[in-house]
Amino acid sequence: MTKKKLIEIIKRILKTEADIEFLLKLDASELETLVAIIRDRIGLNGSTGA
């Protein structure tokens, strides 16, 4: 997945229009990790979580 696409996913998850283009400095694998962490933290990973 491209870095631009990953940033769009992050913006959608966070429901923000803020400029987060600084995240382009991260590697694609780091962005994928960030997306997974955010999804897990806000409960979008499919689990019921605590």
Protein backbone atom coordinates (compact mmCIF):
# COMPACT_ATOMS: atom_id res chain seq x y z
CA MET A 1 0.00 0.00 0.00
CA THR A 2 1.31 3.47 -0.78
CA LYS A 3 2.27 5.91 1.94
CA LYS A 4 -0.31 8.40 0.65
CA LYS A 5 -3.05 5.77 0.92
CA LEU A 6 -1.97 4.87 4.46
CA ILE A 7 -2.12 8.54 5.46
CA GLU A 8 -5.62 8.79 3.99
CA ILE A 9 -6.64 5.77 6.10
CA ILE A 10 -5.24 7.43 9.21
CA LYS A 11 -7.12 10.66 8.42
CA ARG A 12 -10.34 8.70 7.93
CA ILE A 13 -9.89 6.74 11.17
CA LEU A 14 -9.17 9.93 13.12
CA LYS A 15 -11.95 11.83 11.30
CA THR A 16 -9.66 14.78 10.68
CA GLU A 17 -8.76 17.12 7.89
CA ALA A 18 -5.57 18.16 9.68
CA ASP A 19 -2.36 18.25 7.68
CA ILE A 20 -0.55 15.08 8.67
CA GLU A 21 1.70 14.95 5.63
CA PHE A 22 4.68 14.96 7.99
CA LEU A 23 3.93 11.25 8.35
CA LEU A 24 5.37 10.80 4.85
CA LYS A 25 8.76 10.84 6.59
CA LEU A 26 7.94 7.38 7.97
CA ASP A 27 8.54 4.17 6.03
CA ALA A 28 5.46 2.40 4.65
CA SER A 29 5.90 -0.39 7.19
CA GLU A 30 5.95 2.18 10.01
CA LEU A 31 2.75 3.74 8.68
CA GLU A 32 1.12 0.30 8.50
CA THR A 33 2.09 -0.26 12.13
CA LEU A 34 0.65 3.13 13.09
CA VAL A 35 -2.65 2.34 11.32
CA ALA A 36 -2.86 -0.99 13.17
CA ILE A 37 -2.13 0.63 16.54
CA ILE A 38 -4.73 3.37 16.01
CA ARG A 39 -7.36 0.85 14.89
CA ASP A 40 -6.63 -1.34 17.90
CA ARG A 41 -6.73 1.59 20.31
CA ILE A 42 -10.07 2.93 19.11
CA GLY A 43 -11.61 -0.50 18.66
CA LEU A 44 -11.77 -0.79 14.88
CA ASN A 45 -9.99 -4.13 14.77
CA GLY A 46 -13.15 -6.19 15.21
CA SER A 47 -12.56 -7.23 18.83
CA THR A 48 -14.64 -6.11 21.73
CA GLY A 49 -11.58 -4.99 23.71
CA ALA A 50 -11.58 -3.52 27.18
